[in-house]
Structure formats: structure tokens, C-alpha cells
N, C-alpha and C. Protein backbone atom coordinates (compact mmCIF):
# COMPACT_ATOMS: atom_id res chain seq x y z
N MET A 1 0.96 -1.13 -0.06
CA MET A 1 0.08 0.19 -0.09
C MET A 1 1.15 1.31 0.18
N ASN A 2 0.56 2.36 -0.59
CA ASN A 2 1.59 3.51 -1.17
C ASN A 2 0.52 4.66 -0.30
N GLN A 3 1.13 5.63 0.68
CA GLN A 3 0.53 6.62 0.94
C GLN A 3 1.15 8.12 0.03
N GLU A 4 -0.18 8.37 -0.10
CA GLU A 4 0.41 9.72 -1.37
C GLU A 4 -0.69 11.36 -0.58
N THR A 5 0.36 12.21 -0.67
CA THR A 5 -0.68 13.72 -0.18
C THR A 5 -0.68 14.14 -1.69
N LEU A 6 -1.76 14.86 -1.33
CA LEU A 6 -2.25 15.94 -2.86
C LEU A 6 -2.74 17.06 -2.04
N ASN A 7 -1.97 18.66 -2.36
CA ASN A 7 -1.95 19.79 -1.81
C ASN A 7 -3.15 20.41 -2.63
N THR A 8 -4.32 20.43 -2.96
CA THR A 8 -4.98 21.59 -3.62
C THR A 8 -5.04 22.95 -3.24
N HIS A 9 -4.14 23.66 -1.99
CA HIS A 9 -5.21 24.40 -1.29
C HIS A 9 -5.13 25.39 -2.64
N ARG A 10 -5.59 26.58 -2.37
CA ARG A 10 -6.16 27.76 -2.99
C ARG A 10 -6.47 27.20 -4.20
N LEU A 11 -6.96 26.07 -4.78
CA LEU A 11 -7.67 25.59 -5.91
C LEU A 11 -9.14 25.65 -5.51
N LEU A 12 -9.94 26.35 -6.82
CA LEU A 12 -11.65 26.34 -5.99
C LEU A 12 -12.13 25.44 -6.74
N CYS A 13 -13.09 25.08 -6.79
CA CYS A 13 -14.62 24.12 -7.36
C CYS A 13 -14.39 23.88 -8.83
N PRO A 14 -13.95 23.37 -10.12
CA PRO A 14 -13.72 22.30 -9.63
C PRO A 14 -12.40 21.38 -9.65
N LEU A 15 -11.22 22.08 -9.27
CA LEU A 15 -9.99 22.24 -9.45
C LEU A 15 -9.54 20.82 -8.58
N PRO A 16 -10.06 21.30 -7.53
CA PRO A 16 -9.68 19.88 -6.30
C PRO A 16 -10.42 18.45 -6.65
N VAL A 17 -11.18 18.58 -7.36
CA VAL A 17 -11.85 17.29 -7.63
C VAL A 17 -11.08 16.25 -9.28
N ILE A 18 -10.33 17.48 -9.84
CA ILE A 18 -9.82 17.14 -11.04
C ILE A 18 -8.44 17.40 -10.73
N ARG A 19 -8.01 17.01 -9.65
CA ARG A 19 -6.43 16.88 -9.81
C ARG A 19 -6.78 14.99 -8.54
N THR A 20 -7.49 15.36 -7.97
CA THR A 20 -7.76 14.22 -7.29
C THR A 20 -7.86 12.95 -8.16
N GLN A 21 -8.85 13.04 -9.64
CA GLN A 21 -9.11 12.16 -10.55
C GLN A 21 -7.80 11.86 -10.73
N ASP A 22 -7.28 13.25 -11.71
CA ASP A 22 -5.31 13.09 -12.01
C ASP A 22 -4.94 12.23 -11.34
N LYS A 23 -4.71 12.56 -10.28
CA LYS A 23 -3.85 11.63 -8.97
C LYS A 23 -3.84 10.17 -8.59
N VAL A 24 -5.68 10.16 -8.76
CA VAL A 24 -5.13 8.68 -8.90
C VAL A 24 -5.83 7.79 -9.58
N LYS A 25 -5.42 8.63 -10.94
CA LYS A 25 -4.90 8.02 -12.21
C LYS A 25 -3.33 6.92 -11.84
N THR A 26 -2.70 7.61 -11.27
CA THR A 26 -1.59 7.01 -11.20
C THR A 26 -1.49 6.49 -10.06
N LEU A 27 -2.33 5.89 -9.35
CA LEU A 27 -2.16 5.04 -7.89
C LEU A 27 -2.41 3.44 -8.61
N GLN A 28 -2.32 2.49 -7.40
CA GLN A 28 -3.39 0.94 -7.47
C GLN A 28 -4.36 1.68 -6.39
N ALA A 29 -4.53 0.19 -7.03
CA ALA A 29 -5.60 -0.15 -6.12
C ALA A 29 -5.38 -0.53 -4.69
N GLY A 30 -6.08 0.15 -3.31
CA GLY A 30 -5.46 0.04 -2.07
C GLY A 30 -4.73 1.03 -1.96
N ASP A 31 -3.96 1.78 -2.46
CA ASP A 31 -3.30 3.59 -2.20
C ASP A 31 -4.21 4.33 -1.58
N ARG A 32 -3.46 5.10 -0.89
CA ARG A 32 -4.33 6.07 0.24
C ARG A 32 -3.87 7.35 -0.17
N LEU A 33 -4.74 8.08 -0.71
CA LEU A 33 -4.86 9.60 -1.08
C LEU A 33 -5.13 10.81 0.07
N THR A 34 -4.56 11.37 0.40
CA THR A 34 -4.76 12.39 1.29
C THR A 34 -4.85 13.93 0.48
N VAL A 35 -6.36 14.21 0.50
CA VAL A 35 -6.15 15.56 -0.64
C VAL A 35 -6.41 16.82 0.83
N ARG A 36 -5.27 17.58 0.50
CA ARG A 36 -5.33 19.01 1.65
C ARG A 36 -6.18 19.39 0.43
N CYS A 37 -7.34 20.58 1.04
CA CYS A 37 -7.76 21.77 0.29
C CYS A 37 -8.51 23.17 1.03
N THR A 38 -8.24 23.59 0.41
CA THR A 38 -8.71 25.17 1.56
C THR A 38 -10.37 25.48 0.80
N ASP A 39 -11.00 24.91 -0.04
CA ASP A 39 -11.94 25.13 -0.70
C ASP A 39 -13.36 23.73 0.47
N PRO A 40 -14.10 24.81 0.72
CA PRO A 40 -15.12 24.02 1.66
C PRO A 40 -15.85 22.83 1.03
N GLY A 41 -15.98 23.38 -0.46
CA GLY A 41 -17.23 22.20 -1.16
C GLY A 41 -16.34 21.38 -1.86
N ALA A 42 -14.85 21.08 -1.27
CA ALA A 42 -14.31 19.67 -1.62
C ALA A 42 -14.64 18.63 -0.72
N MET A 43 -15.51 19.16 0.64
CA MET A 43 -15.69 17.81 1.26
C MET A 43 -17.02 17.60 1.20
N HIS A 44 -17.73 18.14 0.14
CA HIS A 44 -19.00 17.12 -0.61
C HIS A 44 -18.39 16.57 -2.16
N ASP A 45 -17.76 17.32 -2.88
CA ASP A 45 -16.99 17.16 -3.65
C ASP A 45 -16.38 15.46 -4.16
N ILE A 46 -15.50 16.02 -3.62
CA ILE A 46 -14.69 14.95 -3.36
C ILE A 46 -15.47 13.00 -3.08
N PRO A 47 -16.02 13.23 -1.71
CA PRO A 47 -16.70 12.37 -1.61
C PRO A 47 -17.84 11.34 -2.69
N ALA A 48 -18.09 12.56 -3.24
CA ALA A 48 -19.18 12.24 -4.48
C ALA A 48 -18.54 11.57 -5.49
N TRP A 49 -17.24 12.29 -5.82
CA TRP A 49 -16.83 11.71 -7.05
C TRP A 49 -15.97 10.82 -6.44
N CYS A 50 -16.02 10.56 -5.07
CA CYS A 50 -14.80 8.51 -4.97
C CYS A 50 -16.60 7.97 -5.44
N ARG A 51 -17.45 8.21 -4.18
CA ARG A 51 -19.38 6.91 -4.38
C ARG A 51 -19.22 6.60 -5.99
N ILE A 52 -19.00 7.69 -7.00
CA ILE A 52 -19.26 7.11 -8.23
C ILE A 52 -18.01 6.17 -9.13
N ASN A 53 -17.07 6.61 -8.75
CA ASN A 53 -16.42 6.03 -8.94
C ASN A 53 -15.91 4.72 -8.24
N GLY A 54 -16.11 4.17 -7.41
CA GLY A 54 -16.09 3.33 -6.48
C GLY A 54 -14.82 3.27 -5.70
N HIS A 55 -14.34 4.10 -5.14
CA HIS A 55 -13.28 4.77 -3.85
C HIS A 55 -13.58 4.82 -2.99
N LYS A 56 -13.65 4.39 -1.72
CA LYS A 56 -13.65 4.32 -0.66
C LYS A 56 -13.25 5.75 -0.13
N VAL A 57 -13.79 6.22 0.74
CA VAL A 57 -13.47 7.70 1.72
C VAL A 57 -13.39 6.86 3.06
N LEU A 58 -12.33 7.31 3.66
CA LEU A 58 -11.71 6.91 5.03
C LEU A 58 -11.63 7.59 5.64
N GLU A 59 -12.02 9.20 5.06
CA GLU A 59 -12.23 10.34 6.71
C GLU A 59 -12.04 11.52 5.92
N THR A 60 -13.10 12.09 6.96
CA THR A 60 -12.57 13.74 6.04
C THR A 60 -12.74 14.20 7.59
N LYS A 61 -11.94 16.32 7.49
CA LYS A 61 -12.13 16.55 8.36
C LYS A 61 -11.93 17.93 8.07
N ALA A 62 -12.69 18.95 9.09
CA ALA A 62 -11.99 20.52 8.55
C ALA A 62 -10.70 20.75 10.49
N GLU A 63 -10.20 21.67 9.92
CA GLU A 63 -9.60 21.98 10.96
C GLU A 63 -8.26 23.44 10.72
N ASN A 64 -8.38 24.61 11.65
CA ASN A 64 -7.67 25.53 10.74
C ASN A 64 -7.77 25.59 9.41
N GLY A 65 -9.12 26.13 9.33
CA GLY A 65 -9.49 26.46 7.37
C GLY A 65 -9.19 25.51 6.83
N GLU A 66 -8.77 24.01 6.58
CA GLU A 66 -8.24 23.48 5.99
C GLU A 66 -8.64 22.44 6.49
N TYR A 67 -8.80 21.77 4.61
CA TYR A 67 -9.84 20.23 4.54
C TYR A 67 -9.94 19.30 3.98
N VAL A 68 -9.45 17.96 4.57
CA VAL A 68 -8.89 16.86 4.45
C VAL A 68 -9.86 15.72 4.50
N VAL A 69 -9.36 15.28 3.13
CA VAL A 69 -10.15 14.12 2.49
C VAL A 69 -9.11 12.97 1.99
N VAL A 70 -9.84 11.92 3.37
CA VAL A 70 -8.35 10.50 3.18
C VAL A 70 -9.48 9.70 2.06
N LEU A 71 -8.90 9.26 1.23
CA LEU A 71 -9.06 8.06 0.26
C LEU A 71 -8.53 6.46 0.24
N GLU A 72 -9.37 5.74 -0.52
CA GLU A 72 -8.82 5.02 -0.51
C GLU A 72 -8.97 4.17 -2.20
N VAL A 73 -7.98 4.19 -3.04
CA VAL A 73 -8.48 3.83 -4.15
C VAL A 73 -9.06 2.54 -4.75
N ALA A 74 -9.72 2.32 -5.12
CA ALA A 74 -10.41 1.17 -5.86
C ALA A 74 -9.53 0.33 -6.73
């Protein structure tokens, strides 16, 4: 299992989802990706994208103006 982090700070919708999609294409099933965002919309958009594409959301959290989504690649 590989653990990657994607920084999408200062990017607005839909760019955090697009960057997440592009990064996931480079990963293998079972890999984990932590996406760090400053756009609060990403807390809804990235999990919705994961559901559509079969990836598993392991965690979502908001702390100090940063929004974090941890997902497992299907």
C-alpha cells in the first residue's frame, strides 16, 4: 500500500476534484490518498466523486481552515 498526499490549497471547484482524479489515475488499488484543500466545497465534491467511481472515503475532517479527505483507491 502506498500513501500519497495531494495539496490543492487555493484551488476552487472543480479543480480539487480534477486534481484528485488525475492523481488517482497514477495510483494502484489499495493505495491511500490524502487530499488537502482550502475550498470547503471539496468536502462534498470529493466524496461524491469517490462514490461515483467506487473509491472508499476513509476520513473527512476540517481543521484551521483546511479540509482533508482521505480516500482508498479501488
